[in-house]
Amino acid sequence: MFLLLILAISFYLYKTGELQKLLSNIPSKRANSTNGLKDVVDYRYASGQISTEEYQKLIELL
């Protein structure tokens, strides 16, 4: 019965959008940094897997 109550409350919070707000306030354990992504893009560019145009577009996005 308790599980059903938790499920009903969670569904209500999901439908109202409050669940997303609550979950976005929880700090993540890993840092959101673009350094790792930039390293991958640099490596792919250096190894010739992506063109110069693609490289420039990806760097602008980061």
PDB file of N, CA and C in Angstrom:
ATOM      1  N   MET A   1       0.823  -1.187   0.000  1.00  0.00           N
ATOM      2  CA  MET A   1       0.000   0.000   0.000  1.00  0.00           C
ATOM      3  C   MET A   1       0.873   1.259   0.000  1.00  0.00           C
ATOM      4  N   PHE A   2       1.951   1.210   0.785  1.00  0.00           N
ATOM      5  CA  PHE A   2       2.874   2.340   0.864  1.00  0.00           C
ATOM      6  C   PHE A   2       3.545   2.593  -0.481  1.00  0.00           C
ATOM      7  N   LEU A   3       3.897   1.525  -1.168  1.00  0.00           N
ATOM      8  CA  LEU A   3       4.517   1.646  -2.485  1.00  0.00           C
ATOM      9  C   LEU A   3       3.551   2.271  -3.496  1.00  0.00           C
ATOM     10  N   LEU A   4       2.299   1.922  -3.404  1.00  0.00           N
ATOM     11  CA  LEU A   4       1.287   2.497  -4.285  1.00  0.00           C
ATOM     12  C   LEU A   4       1.129   3.998  -4.031  1.00  0.00           C
ATOM     13  N   LEU A   5       1.193   4.399  -2.779  1.00  0.00           N
ATOM     14  CA  LEU A   5       1.110   5.811  -2.423  1.00  0.00           C
ATOM     15  C   LEU A   5       2.310   6.577  -2.979  1.00  0.00           C
ATOM     16  N   ILE A   6       3.491   6.024  -2.854  1.00  0.00           N
ATOM     17  CA  ILE A   6       4.709   6.644  -3.388  1.00  0.00           C
ATOM     18  C   ILE A   6       4.605   6.768  -4.911  1.00  0.00           C
ATOM     19  N   LEU A   7       4.114   5.741  -5.558  1.00  0.00           N
ATOM     20  CA  LEU A   7       3.950   5.754  -7.010  1.00  0.00           C
ATOM     21  C   LEU A   7       2.943   6.822  -7.443  1.00  0.00           C
ATOM     22  N   ALA A   8       1.863   6.954  -6.726  1.00  0.00           N
ATOM     23  CA  ALA A   8       0.847   7.955  -7.058  1.00  0.00           C
ATOM     24  C   ALA A   8       1.392   9.369  -6.883  1.00  0.00           C
ATOM     25  N   ILE A   9       2.121   9.613  -5.811  1.00  0.00           N
ATOM     26  CA  ILE A   9       2.710  10.934  -5.577  1.00  0.00           C
ATOM     27  C   ILE A   9       3.750  11.242  -6.644  1.00  0.00           C
ATOM     28  N   SER A  10       4.557  10.266  -6.991  1.00  0.00           N
ATOM     29  CA  SER A  10       5.579  10.465  -8.025  1.00  0.00           C
ATOM     30  C   SER A  10       4.943  10.774  -9.373  1.00  0.00           C
ATOM     31  N   PHE A  11       3.879  10.073  -9.709  1.00  0.00           N
ATOM     32  CA  PHE A  11       3.188  10.318 -10.975  1.00  0.00           C
ATOM     33  C   PHE A  11       2.597  11.723 -11.007  1.00  0.00           C
ATOM     34  N   TYR A  12       2.012  12.160  -9.888  1.00  0.00           N
ATOM     35  CA  TYR A  12       1.453  13.511  -9.810  1.00  0.00           C
ATOM     36  C   TYR A  12       2.548  14.562  -9.977  1.00  0.00           C
ATOM     37  N   LEU A  13       3.676  14.370  -9.301  1.00  0.00           N
ATOM     38  CA  LEU A  13       4.785  15.318  -9.422  1.00  0.00           C
ATOM     39  C   LEU A  13       5.345  15.335 -10.839  1.00  0.00           C
ATOM     40  N   TYR A  14       5.375  14.183 -11.492  1.00  0.00           N
ATOM     41  CA  TYR A  14       5.851  14.106 -12.869  1.00  0.00           C
ATOM     42  C   TYR A  14       4.927  14.881 -13.807  1.00  0.00           C
ATOM     43  N   LYS A  15       3.628  14.699 -13.639  1.00  0.00           N
ATOM     44  CA  LYS A  15       2.658  15.363 -14.513  1.00  0.00           C
ATOM     45  C   LYS A  15       2.663  16.883 -14.321  1.00  0.00           C
ATOM     46  N   THR A  16       2.893  17.354 -13.104  1.00  0.00           N
ATOM     47  CA  THR A  16       2.900  18.792 -12.846  1.00  0.00           C
ATOM     48  C   THR A  16       4.243  19.431 -13.169  1.00  0.00           C
ATOM     49  N   GLY A  17       5.271  18.627 -13.375  1.00  0.00           N
ATOM     50  CA  GLY A  17       6.589  19.162 -13.698  1.00  0.00           C
ATOM     51  C   GLY A  17       7.455  19.415 -12.483  1.00  0.00           C
ATOM     52  N   GLU A  18       6.919  19.179 -11.307  1.00  0.00           N
ATOM     53  CA  GLU A  18       7.680  19.423 -10.081  1.00  0.00           C
ATOM     54  C   GLU A  18       8.784  18.388  -9.881  1.00  0.00           C
ATOM     55  N   LEU A  19       8.587  17.188 -10.397  1.00  0.00           N
ATOM     56  CA  LEU A  19       9.598  16.142 -10.229  1.00  0.00           C
ATOM     57  C   LEU A  19      10.893  16.521 -10.932  1.00  0.00           C
ATOM     58  N   GLN A  20      10.792  17.099 -12.128  1.00  0.00           N
ATOM     59  CA  GLN A  20      11.978  17.523 -12.863  1.00  0.00           C
ATOM     60  C   GLN A  20      12.694  18.640 -12.113  1.00  0.00           C
ATOM     61  N   LYS A  21      11.932  19.546 -11.509  1.00  0.00           N
ATOM     62  CA  LYS A  21      12.539  20.633 -10.733  1.00  0.00           C
ATOM     63  C   LYS A  21      13.278  20.093  -9.523  1.00  0.00           C
ATOM     64  N   LEU A  22      12.659  19.127  -8.847  1.00  0.00           N
ATOM     65  CA  LEU A  22      13.297  18.539  -7.670  1.00  0.00           C
ATOM     66  C   LEU A  22      14.569  17.791  -8.042  1.00  0.00           C
ATOM     67  N   LEU A  23      14.510  17.034  -9.132  1.00  0.00           N
ATOM     68  CA  LEU A  23      15.667  16.251  -9.541  1.00  0.00           C
ATOM     69  C   LEU A  23      16.792  17.133 -10.079  1.00  0.00           C
ATOM     70  N   SER A  24      16.473  18.274 -10.660  1.00  0.00           N
ATOM     71  CA  SER A  24      17.518  19.153 -11.177  1.00  0.00           C
ATOM     72  C   SER A  24      18.251  19.875 -10.053  1.00  0.00           C
ATOM     73  N   ASN A  25      17.646  19.972  -8.868  1.00  0.00           N
ATOM     74  CA  ASN A  25      18.295  20.629  -7.739  1.00  0.00           C
ATOM     75  C   ASN A  25      19.288  19.732  -7.027  1.00  0.00           C
ATOM     76  N   ILE A  26      19.221  18.446  -7.272  1.00  0.00           N
ATOM     77  CA  ILE A  26      20.149  17.504  -6.637  1.00  0.00           C
ATOM     78  C   ILE A  26      21.505  17.624  -7.315  1.00  0.00           C
ATOM     79  N   PRO A  27      22.568  17.903  -6.558  1.00  0.00           N
ATOM     80  CA  PRO A  27      23.890  18.031  -7.195  1.00  0.00           C
ATOM     81  C   PRO A  27      24.389  16.686  -7.706  1.00  0.00           C
ATOM     82  N   SER A  28      24.980  16.699  -8.873  1.00  0.00           N
ATOM     83  CA  SER A  28      25.484  15.457  -9.445  1.00  0.00           C
ATOM     84  C   SER A  28      26.844  15.130  -8.848  1.00  0.00           C
ATOM     85  N   LYS A  29      27.201  13.873  -8.887  1.00  0.00           N
ATOM     86  CA  LYS A  29      28.464  13.437  -8.311  1.00  0.00           C
ATOM     87  C   LYS A  29      29.645  13.749  -9.216  1.00  0.00           C
ATOM     88  N   ARG A  30      29.403  13.848 -10.509  1.00  0.00           N
ATOM     89  CA  ARG A  30      30.498  14.163 -11.415  1.00  0.00           C
ATOM     90  C   ARG A  30      30.321  15.582 -11.940  1.00  0.00           C
ATOM     91  N   ALA A  31      31.414  16.229 -12.182  1.00  0.00           N
ATOM     92  CA  ALA A  31      31.373  17.612 -12.644  1.00  0.00           C
ATOM     93  C   ALA A  31      31.030  17.657 -14.132  1.00  0.00           C
ATOM     94  N   ASN A  32      30.223  18.609 -14.496  1.00  0.00           N
ATOM     95  CA  ASN A  32      29.890  18.812 -15.901  1.00  0.00           C
ATOM     96  C   ASN A  32      30.922  19.751 -16.494  1.00  0.00           C
ATOM     97  N   SER A  33      31.944  19.193 -17.072  1.00  0.00           N
ATOM     98  CA  SER A  33      32.966  20.027 -17.678  1.00  0.00           C
ATOM     99  C   SER A  33      33.132  19.660 -19.137  1.00  0.00           C
ATOM    100  N   THR A  34      33.528  20.632 -19.914  1.00  0.00           N
ATOM    101  CA  THR A  34      33.718  20.387 -21.334  1.00  0.00           C
ATOM    102  C   THR A  34      35.155  20.016 -21.647  1.00  0.00           C
ATOM    103  N   ASN A  35      36.008  19.975 -20.635  1.00  0.00           N
ATOM    104  CA  ASN A  35      37.413  19.646 -20.886  1.00  0.00           C
ATOM    105  C   ASN A  35      37.565  18.240 -21.451  1.00  0.00           C
ATOM    106  N   GLY A  36      36.818  17.295 -20.921  1.00  0.00           N
ATOM    107  CA  GLY A  36      36.896  15.925 -21.419  1.00  0.00           C
ATOM    108  C   GLY A  36      36.394  15.819 -22.844  1.00  0.00           C
ATOM    109  N   LEU A  37      35.317  16.537 -23.134  1.00  0.00           N
ATOM    110  CA  LEU A  37      34.774  16.520 -24.494  1.00  0.00           C
ATOM    111  C   LEU A  37      35.733  17.186 -25.470  1.00  0.00           C
ATOM    112  N   LYS A  38      36.345  18.278 -25.033  1.00  0.00           N
ATOM    113  CA  LYS A  38      37.294  18.979 -25.896  1.00  0.00           C
ATOM    114  C   LYS A  38      38.499  18.089 -26.195  1.00  0.00           C
ATOM    115  N   ASP A  39      38.942  17.334 -25.208  1.00  0.00           N
ATOM    116  CA  ASP A  39      40.062  16.418 -25.419  1.00  0.00           C
ATOM    117  C   ASP A  39      39.721  15.356 -26.463  1.00  0.00           C
ATOM    118  N   VAL A  40      38.502  14.836 -26.408  1.00  0.00           N
ATOM    119  CA  VAL A  40      38.074  13.818 -27.371  1.00  0.00           C
ATOM    120  C   VAL A  40      38.015  14.406 -28.773  1.00  0.00           C
ATOM    121  N   VAL A  41      37.452  15.620 -28.887  1.00  0.00           N
ATOM    122  CA  VAL A  41      37.362  16.269 -30.190  1.00  0.00           C
ATOM    123  C   VAL A  41      38.756  16.554 -30.731  1.00  0.00           C
ATOM    124  N   ASP A  42      39.666  17.039 -29.875  1.00  0.00           N
ATOM    125  CA  ASP A  42      41.040  17.301 -30.297  1.00  0.00           C
ATOM    126  C   ASP A  42      41.738  16.023 -30.772  1.00  0.00           C
ATOM    127  N   TYR A  43      41.506  14.937 -30.043  1.00  0.00           N
ATOM    128  CA  TYR A  43      42.123  13.659 -30.419  1.00  0.00           C
ATOM    129  C   TYR A  43      41.595  13.175 -31.772  1.00  0.00           C
ATOM    130  N   ARG A  44      40.286  13.272 -31.969  1.00  0.00           N
ATOM    131  CA  ARG A  44      39.706  12.836 -33.244  1.00  0.00           C
ATOM    132  C   ARG A  44      40.197  13.697 -34.399  1.00  0.00           C
ATOM    133  N   TYR A  45      40.367  14.993 -34.154  1.00  0.00           N
ATOM    134  CA  TYR A  45      40.867  15.890 -35.201  1.00  0.00           C
ATOM    135  C   TYR A  45      42.332  15.571 -35.516  1.00  0.00           C
ATOM    136  N   ALA A  46      43.119  15.343 -34.475  1.00  0.00           N
ATOM    137  CA  ALA A  46      44.541  15.053 -34.675  1.00  0.00           C
ATOM    138  C   ALA A  46      44.749  13.723 -35.393  1.00  0.00           C
ATOM    139  N   SER A  47      43.868  12.759 -35.149  1.00  0.00           N
ATOM    140  CA  SER A  47      44.031  11.457 -35.788  1.00  0.00           C
ATOM    141  C   SER A  47      43.396  11.417 -37.180  1.00  0.00           C
ATOM    142  N   GLY A  48      42.747  12.515 -37.586  1.00  0.00           N
ATOM    143  CA  GLY A  48      42.189  12.584 -38.926  1.00  0.00           C
ATOM    144  C   GLY A  48      40.808  11.986 -39.068  1.00  0.00           C
ATOM    145  N   GLN A  49      40.129  11.743 -37.967  1.00  0.00           N
ATOM    146  CA  GLN A  49      38.797  11.150 -38.027  1.00  0.00           C
ATOM    147  C   GLN A  49      37.728  12.174 -38.384  1.00  0.00           C
ATOM    148  N   ILE A  50      37.985  13.464 -38.128  1.00  0.00           N
ATOM    149  CA  ILE A  50      37.024  14.511 -38.484  1.00  0.00           C
ATOM    150  C   ILE A  50      37.751  15.597 -39.272  1.00  0.00           C
ATOM    151  N   SER A  51      36.995  16.305 -40.103  1.00  0.00           N
ATOM    152  CA  SER A  51      37.590  17.345 -40.933  1.00  0.00           C
ATOM    153  C   SER A  51      37.747  18.643 -40.139  1.00  0.00           C
ATOM    154  N   THR A  52      38.421  19.606 -40.757  1.00  0.00           N
ATOM    155  CA  THR A  52      38.632  20.900 -40.113  1.00  0.00           C
ATOM    156  C   THR A  52      37.315  21.618 -39.885  1.00  0.00           C
ATOM    157  N   GLU A  53      36.405  21.525 -40.851  1.00  0.00           N
ATOM    158  CA  GLU A  53      35.098  22.170 -40.705  1.00  0.00           C
ATOM    159  C   GLU A  53      34.315  21.580 -39.536  1.00  0.00           C
ATOM    160  N   GLU A  54      34.308  20.254 -39.445  1.00  0.00           N
ATOM    161  CA  GLU A  54      33.618  19.594 -38.342  1.00  0.00           C
ATOM    162  C   GLU A  54      34.255  19.971 -37.007  1.00  0.00           C
ATOM    163  N   TYR A  55      35.581  20.037 -36.995  1.00  0.00           N
ATOM    164  CA  TYR A  55      36.303  20.395 -35.777  1.00  0.00           C
ATOM    165  C   TYR A  55      35.913  21.795 -35.311  1.00  0.00           C
ATOM    166  N   GLN A  56      35.880  22.749 -36.238  1.00  0.00           N
ATOM    167  CA  GLN A  56      35.523  24.118 -35.881  1.00  0.00           C
ATOM    168  C   GLN A  56      34.090  24.202 -35.351  1.00  0.00           C
ATOM    169  N   LYS A  57      33.163  23.473 -35.962  1.00  0.00           N
ATOM    170  CA  LYS A  57      31.773  23.489 -35.521  1.00  0.00           C
ATOM    171  C   LYS A  57      31.641  22.900 -34.110  1.00  0.00           C
ATOM    172  N   LEU A  58      32.348  21.806 -33.865  1.00  0.00           N
ATOM    173  CA  LEU A  58      32.277  21.181 -32.536  1.00  0.00           C
ATOM    174  C   LEU A  58      32.888  22.067 -31.461  1.00  0.00           C
ATOM    175  N   ILE A  59      33.993  22.726 -31.767  1.00  0.00           N
ATOM    176  CA  ILE A  59      34.619  23.614 -30.794  1.00  0.00           C
ATOM    177  C   ILE A  59      33.704  24.797 -30.493  1.00  0.00           C
ATOM    178  N   GLU A  60      33.002  25.314 -31.491  1.00  0.00           N
ATOM    179  CA  GLU A  60      32.068  26.416 -31.266  1.00  0.00           C
ATOM    180  C   GLU A  60      30.908  25.968 -30.366  1.00  0.00           C
ATOM    181  N   LEU A  61      30.464  24.735 -30.521  1.00  0.00           N
ATOM    182  CA  LEU A  61      29.386  24.235 -29.682  1.00  0.00           C
ATOM    183  C   LEU A  61      29.814  24.081 -28.222  1.00  0.00           C
ATOM    184  N   LEU A  62      31.072  23.712 -28.019  1.00  0.00           N
ATOM    185  CA  LEU A  62      31.560  23.543 -26.659  1.00  0.00           C
ATOM    186  C   LEU A  62      31.827  24.894 -26.049  1.00  0.00           C
TER     187      LEU A  62
END
